[in-house]
Amino acid sequence: MSTGYIYDSLFLQHRMEGHIESPERLRIIMSRLEEVGMLSKLINIPFSSASEEDLMLVHSTEMMQKVKSIVRGGTGWLDMDTYVCPESYKVALAAVGGGLALVSRVAEGYISNGVALLRPPGHHATAIRSMGFCLFNNIAVAARHLQKKHQVKKIAIIDWDVHHGNGTQDIFYQDPTVFYMSTHLYPHYPGSGASHEVGMGKGRGTTLNFPLSYETTREEYLNIFEKGLRTIEKFKPNFILISAGFDSHADDPLGGVGLKEEDFELLTIKICQLAQNICKGRVASFLEGGYNLEKLAASVIHHIHGLMQF
């Protein structure tokens, strides 16, 4: 068994001059993976773009039409943070499709785990709204795909991005089959993720938020993270997805909670160990944030090294 990855140069075509969520994020990751000899040890997973039917597993047709409409007009904005260019809709469909291929390969046993090195990111996109640099929610569509195509009954999504994944939480807030856990700065963009947000209706108890302050130490963070994993263990998911945002690195310009690049390897190992015990090691990771380019690349290398140990 081995670790797979998703990447395509098409992901570089979503761009706006001067925006912090830029193609350089993926360029430096791929360059560093090549430099350290890690890329050749991974399995490149071929994929095709998602269909609009795939998007409709979680998103409204009105949301898709809005993105397409603005893209047809050229460069524009979906909100004050979230841009599109003429290639953005095509790129976003490819990003979702890459995620679907990755989780399918893990579910089929072709690889033991994997990482989707894609953009634009996804965890802020709700069922009806693109926001926070995110056009569509890559990880949420992948979760629904696992349930629909691969009959995966219960899924846990672990989100360590420094920003709360409001879109992912919102999509699954009333769903008892998807457990969402987030560690994030609070109060911080987007303003959600308080500890009392625990789910609603049948989904009550399957949302777990750990709002953190800037003063949170590495030791405190690790203790909190392990507490969350113990709760997920009780949920007994059949598959674990990671919203891997590396802006929780101490040196990130958009946040940071005291973590260093090697900590992401430790977090990954803890998740994979849990997955070995409860869901046959099935783990797939999706790139979210991370805006200090050097620290982003170093953190991703540590993250993948953690995955490769299983």
Protein backbone atom coordinates (compact mmCIF):
# COMPACT_ATOMS: atom_id res chain seq x y z
CA MET A 1 0.00 0.00 0.00
CA SER A 2 1.11 3.58 -0.51
CA THR A 3 0.19 7.25 -0.46
CA GLY A 4 -1.39 8.92 -3.46
CA TYR A 5 -1.63 12.53 -4.51
CA ILE A 6 -3.72 14.74 -6.74
CA TYR A 7 -2.16 17.59 -8.69
CA ASP A 8 -2.57 19.23 -12.08
CA SER A 9 -1.07 22.41 -13.52
CA LEU A 10 -4.65 23.40 -14.35
CA PHE A 11 -5.00 24.41 -10.68
CA LEU A 12 -2.56 27.25 -11.37
CA GLN A 13 -4.94 28.95 -13.82
CA HIS A 14 -7.21 30.33 -11.09
CA ARG A 15 -5.42 33.58 -10.29
CA MET A 16 -5.69 37.28 -9.61
CA GLU A 17 -2.69 39.56 -9.49
CA GLY A 18 -1.73 40.48 -5.93
CA HIS A 19 -4.17 38.12 -4.18
CA ILE A 20 -2.71 36.07 -1.32
CA GLU A 21 -4.50 32.90 -2.48
CA SER A 22 -2.25 32.51 -5.48
CA PRO A 23 -0.86 29.80 -7.79
CA GLU A 24 2.51 30.27 -6.07
CA ARG A 25 1.13 28.26 -3.16
CA LEU A 26 1.01 25.10 -5.27
CA ARG A 27 4.11 25.91 -7.28
CA ILE A 28 6.32 26.00 -4.20
CA ILE A 29 4.74 22.87 -2.73
CA MET A 30 5.39 20.85 -5.89
CA SER A 31 8.89 22.30 -6.27
CA ARG A 32 9.87 21.36 -2.71
CA LEU A 33 8.36 17.88 -3.00
CA GLU A 34 10.49 17.35 -6.08
CA GLU A 35 13.61 18.75 -4.42
CA VAL A 36 13.42 16.44 -1.41
CA GLY A 37 12.70 13.39 -3.58
CA MET A 38 9.27 12.79 -2.09
CA LEU A 39 7.18 13.14 -5.24
CA SER A 40 8.63 10.02 -6.85
CA LYS A 41 7.58 7.98 -3.81
CA LEU A 42 3.93 8.94 -4.18
CA ILE A 43 1.32 7.60 -6.59
CA ASN A 44 -0.08 10.22 -8.93
CA ILE A 45 -3.84 9.70 -9.17
CA PRO A 46 -5.39 10.54 -12.56
CA PHE A 47 -8.73 12.29 -12.43
CA SER A 48 -11.36 14.04 -14.47
CA SER A 49 -13.30 17.17 -13.68
CA ALA A 50 -16.43 16.96 -11.57
CA SER A 51 -19.80 17.32 -13.22
CA GLU A 52 -22.45 19.79 -12.16
CA GLU A 53 -24.38 16.77 -10.93
CA ASP A 54 -21.47 16.06 -8.58
CA LEU A 55 -21.60 19.63 -7.27
CA MET A 56 -25.31 19.26 -6.65
CA LEU A 57 -24.56 16.64 -4.00
CA VAL A 58 -24.07 19.66 -1.72
CA HIS A 59 -24.51 22.90 -3.71
CA SER A 60 -27.55 24.70 -5.12
CA THR A 61 -27.98 25.30 -8.84
CA GLU A 62 -28.35 29.02 -8.10
CA MET A 63 -24.88 29.07 -6.53
CA MET A 64 -23.33 27.36 -9.53
CA GLN A 65 -25.09 29.73 -11.92
CA LYS A 66 -23.80 32.75 -10.02
CA VAL A 67 -20.19 31.55 -10.30
CA LYS A 68 -20.61 30.78 -14.01
CA SER A 69 -22.24 34.14 -14.66
CA ILE A 70 -19.44 36.16 -13.10
CA VAL A 71 -16.79 34.01 -14.78
CA ARG A 72 -18.39 34.71 -18.17
CA GLY A 73 -17.88 38.38 -17.49
CA GLY A 74 -14.15 37.84 -17.00
CA THR A 75 -12.39 38.72 -13.77
CA GLY A 76 -14.71 39.54 -10.88
CA TRP A 77 -15.64 39.00 -7.24
CA LEU A 78 -18.06 36.63 -5.55
CA ASP A 79 -17.57 38.51 -2.29
CA MET A 80 -14.98 40.94 -0.94
CA ASP A 81 -12.40 38.13 -0.56
CA THR A 82 -13.26 35.66 -3.28
CA TYR A 83 -12.23 36.34 -6.86
CA VAL A 84 -12.81 34.60 -10.16
CA CYS A 85 -11.03 34.86 -13.49
CA PRO A 86 -12.11 33.44 -16.88
CA GLU A 87 -10.64 30.02 -16.02
CA SER A 88 -11.99 29.78 -12.47
CA TYR A 89 -15.11 27.69 -13.07
CA LYS A 90 -13.13 25.13 -15.06
CA VAL A 91 -10.45 25.01 -12.37
CA ALA A 92 -12.98 24.67 -9.56
CA LEU A 93 -14.64 21.72 -11.30
CA ALA A 94 -11.23 20.10 -11.70
CA ALA A 95 -10.43 20.64 -8.00
CA VAL A 96 -13.66 18.95 -6.95
CA GLY A 97 -13.02 16.13 -9.42
CA GLY A 98 -9.53 15.61 -8.06
CA GLY A 99 -10.94 15.17 -4.59
CA LEU A 100 -13.49 12.66 -5.82
CA ALA A 101 -10.80 10.58 -7.52
CA LEU A 102 -8.62 10.59 -4.42
CA VAL A 103 -11.29 9.41 -1.99
CA SER A 104 -12.48 6.81 -4.49
CA ARG A 105 -9.00 5.34 -4.80
CA VAL A 106 -8.68 5.12 -1.02
CA ALA A 107 -12.16 3.60 -0.69
CA GLU A 108 -11.31 1.02 -3.36
CA GLY A 109 -8.07 0.05 -1.60
CA TYR A 110 -5.84 1.17 -4.47
CA ILE A 111 -3.91 3.39 -2.05
CA SER A 112 -3.90 3.44 1.74
CA ASN A 113 -4.26 7.22 2.01
CA GLY A 114 -3.59 10.38 0.03
CA VAL A 115 -3.47 14.13 -0.30
CA ALA A 116 -5.28 16.42 -2.73
CA LEU A 117 -2.91 19.25 -3.62
CA LEU A 118 -5.48 21.48 -5.25
CA ARG A 119 -6.95 24.95 -5.30
CA PRO A 120 -9.11 26.94 -4.95
CA PRO A 121 -9.68 25.76 -1.37
CA GLY A 122 -13.16 24.79 -0.22
CA HIS A 123 -14.10 24.70 3.45
CA HIS A 124 -15.74 28.15 3.61
CA ALA A 125 -18.15 27.46 0.73
CA THR A 126 -21.65 26.74 2.02
CA ALA A 127 -24.42 24.95 0.16
CA ILE A 128 -25.58 28.26 -1.32
CA ARG A 129 -22.63 30.67 -1.16
CA SER A 130 -19.01 30.91 -2.32
CA MET A 131 -16.84 32.80 0.18
CA GLY A 132 -13.46 33.04 1.89
CA PHE A 133 -11.37 32.29 -1.24
CA CYS A 134 -13.55 29.16 -1.79
CA LEU A 135 -15.76 28.57 -4.84
CA PHE A 136 -17.08 25.09 -4.04
CA ASN A 137 -16.63 22.86 -1.01
CA ASN A 138 -14.23 20.20 -2.27
CA ILE A 139 -14.22 18.09 0.89
CA ALA A 140 -17.99 18.21 1.41
CA VAL A 141 -18.68 16.99 -2.12
CA ALA A 142 -16.12 14.21 -1.58
CA ALA A 143 -17.86 13.14 1.63
CA ARG A 144 -21.23 12.90 -0.12
CA HIS A 145 -19.58 11.05 -3.02
CA LEU A 146 -18.18 8.47 -0.60
CA GLN A 147 -21.63 7.93 0.84
CA LYS A 148 -23.43 7.76 -2.50
CA LYS A 149 -20.97 5.81 -4.65
CA HIS A 150 -18.98 3.80 -2.14
CA GLN A 151 -21.67 3.25 0.53
CA VAL A 152 -19.48 4.73 3.27
CA LYS A 153 -21.94 5.17 6.11
CA LYS A 154 -20.12 7.47 8.56
CA ILE A 155 -17.42 10.05 7.84
CA ALA A 156 -15.34 12.28 10.11
CA ILE A 157 -13.93 15.56 8.82
CA ILE A 158 -11.05 17.03 10.82
CA ASP A 159 -10.30 20.67 10.05
CA TRP A 160 -7.08 22.16 11.44
CA ASP A 161 -7.11 25.31 9.28
CA VAL A 162 -6.71 28.45 11.40
CA HIS A 163 -10.09 29.64 10.10
CA HIS A 164 -13.28 27.86 11.02
CA GLY A 165 -14.71 25.82 8.15
CA ASN A 166 -18.14 27.39 8.33
CA GLY A 167 -19.21 25.96 4.98
CA THR A 168 -18.44 22.37 5.91
CA GLN A 169 -20.09 22.77 9.29
CA ASP A 170 -23.19 24.33 7.73
CA ILE A 171 -23.59 21.61 5.12
CA PHE A 172 -23.50 18.79 7.68
CA TYR A 173 -24.93 20.58 10.72
CA GLN A 174 -28.09 18.45 10.83
CA ASP A 175 -26.51 15.25 9.53
CA PRO A 176 -25.75 12.49 12.06
CA THR A 177 -23.63 10.57 9.52
CA VAL A 178 -20.86 13.19 9.17
CA PHE A 179 -18.86 14.31 12.20
CA TYR A 180 -17.16 17.71 11.82
CA MET A 181 -14.35 18.72 14.18
CA SER A 182 -12.51 22.05 13.93
CA THR A 183 -9.64 23.72 15.76
CA HIS A 184 -9.43 27.44 14.86
CA LEU A 185 -8.74 30.93 16.10
CA TYR A 186 -11.78 32.60 17.62
CA PRO A 187 -13.02 35.23 17.24
CA HIS A 188 -11.51 35.28 13.77
CA TYR A 189 -12.75 35.06 10.19
CA PRO A 190 -15.48 33.98 9.42
CA GLY A 191 -16.83 34.50 12.94
CA SER A 192 -18.39 31.06 13.42
CA GLY A 193 -17.16 28.06 15.36
CA ALA A 194 -18.11 28.79 18.96
CA SER A 195 -18.02 25.85 21.35
CA HIS A 196 -21.80 25.85 21.71
CA GLU A 197 -22.20 25.07 17.98
CA VAL A 198 -22.67 21.31 18.30
CA GLY A 199 -25.10 20.44 15.52
CA MET A 200 -28.86 20.53 15.24
CA GLY A 201 -31.72 18.04 15.11
CA LYS A 202 -30.50 14.55 14.29
CA GLY A 203 -27.03 16.03 13.85
CA ARG A 204 -26.79 17.34 17.40
CA GLY A 205 -23.52 16.09 18.89
CA THR A 206 -21.74 15.54 15.57
CA THR A 207 -20.16 19.00 15.39
CA LEU A 208 -17.22 19.69 17.70
CA ASN A 209 -15.57 23.11 17.76
CA PHE A 210 -12.43 24.08 19.63
CA PRO A 211 -12.18 27.90 19.47
CA LEU A 212 -8.60 28.94 20.27
CA SER A 213 -6.97 32.20 21.33
CA TYR A 214 -3.70 33.65 20.05
CA GLU A 215 -2.20 32.68 23.40
CA THR A 216 -2.86 28.97 22.87
CA THR A 217 0.44 27.10 23.32
CA ARG A 218 1.58 24.14 21.27
CA GLU A 219 1.11 21.85 24.27
CA GLU A 220 -2.42 23.11 24.85
CA TYR A 221 -3.23 22.65 21.19
CA LEU A 222 -2.01 19.06 21.13
CA ASN A 223 -4.02 18.22 24.25
CA ILE A 224 -7.15 19.73 22.69
CA PHE A 225 -6.55 17.86 19.43
CA GLU A 226 -6.19 14.53 21.21
CA LYS A 227 -9.40 15.22 23.12
CA GLY A 228 -11.15 15.73 19.79
CA LEU A 229 -9.75 12.50 18.39
CA ARG A 230 -11.06 10.58 21.39
CA THR A 231 -14.53 11.93 20.63
CA ILE A 232 -14.20 10.91 16.98
CA GLU A 233 -13.14 7.44 18.08
CA LYS A 234 -16.49 7.08 19.86
CA PHE A 235 -18.28 8.16 16.67
CA LYS A 236 -16.53 5.29 14.82
CA PRO A 237 -16.35 6.74 11.30
CA ASN A 238 -15.70 4.51 8.31
CA PHE A 239 -13.48 7.13 6.65
CA ILE A 240 -11.56 10.21 7.84
CA LEU A 241 -11.11 13.35 5.75
CA ILE A 242 -8.74 16.19 6.67
CA SER A 243 -9.21 19.85 5.80
CA ALA A 244 -5.50 20.55 5.92
CA GLY A 245 -5.02 24.29 6.27
CA PHE A 246 -1.45 25.22 7.10
CA ASP A 247 -2.25 28.80 8.08
CA SER A 248 -2.32 27.47 11.64
CA HIS A 249 1.47 27.64 11.44
CA ALA A 250 2.88 30.19 13.88
CA ASP A 251 4.40 32.26 11.06
CA ASP A 252 1.38 32.48 8.78
CA PRO A 253 0.28 36.05 7.90
CA LEU A 254 -3.44 35.22 8.19
CA GLY A 255 -3.46 33.64 11.63
CA GLY A 256 -1.30 31.08 13.30
CA VAL A 257 -1.81 29.20 16.55
CA GLY A 258 1.76 28.43 17.54
CA LEU A 259 2.25 25.30 15.43
CA LYS A 260 5.50 24.54 13.62
CA GLU A 261 5.89 22.56 10.42
CA GLU A 262 6.87 19.35 12.24
CA ASP A 263 3.67 19.50 14.29
CA PHE A 264 1.62 18.75 11.18
CA GLU A 265 3.44 15.44 10.86
CA LEU A 266 2.56 14.63 14.46
CA LEU A 267 -1.12 15.54 13.93
CA THR A 268 -1.18 13.42 10.78
CA ILE A 269 0.31 10.42 12.56
CA LYS A 270 -2.26 10.70 15.35
CA ILE A 271 -5.09 10.76 12.81
CA CYS A 272 -3.67 7.84 10.85
CA GLN A 273 -3.17 5.79 14.00
CA LEU A 274 -6.81 6.38 14.89
CA ALA A 275 -7.84 5.46 11.34
CA GLN A 276 -5.87 2.22 11.57
CA ASN A 277 -7.91 1.27 14.63
CA ILE A 278 -11.39 2.24 13.44
CA CYS A 279 -11.61 2.54 9.64
CA LYS A 280 -8.94 0.39 8.00
CA GLY A 281 -6.56 3.35 7.78
CA ARG A 282 -8.71 5.19 5.25
CA VAL A 283 -7.62 8.85 5.28
CA ALA A 284 -7.70 11.53 2.58
CA SER A 285 -6.43 15.07 3.02
CA PHE A 286 -7.48 18.23 1.18
CA LEU A 287 -5.33 21.36 0.96
CA GLU A 288 -7.07 24.41 2.40
CA GLY A 289 -5.20 27.53 3.61
CA GLY A 290 -1.52 28.37 4.17
CA TYR A 291 -0.02 31.67 3.01
CA ASN A 292 3.58 31.82 4.22
CA LEU A 293 4.95 30.07 1.14
CA GLU A 294 8.10 28.60 2.68
CA LYS A 295 6.33 27.40 5.82
CA LEU A 296 3.43 26.08 3.74
CA ALA A 297 5.73 23.91 1.63
CA ALA A 298 7.67 22.66 4.66
CA SER A 299 4.44 21.87 6.51
CA VAL A 300 3.00 19.95 3.56
CA ILE A 301 6.19 17.87 3.34
CA HIS A 302 5.87 16.95 7.01
CA HIS A 303 2.17 16.20 6.55
CA ILE A 304 2.82 13.86 3.63
CA HIS A 305 5.68 12.19 5.48
CA GLY A 306 3.19 11.40 8.23
CA LEU A 307 0.78 9.86 5.70
CA MET A 308 3.57 7.79 4.13
CA GLN A 309 4.22 5.96 7.40
CA PHE A 310 0.91 4.10 7.07
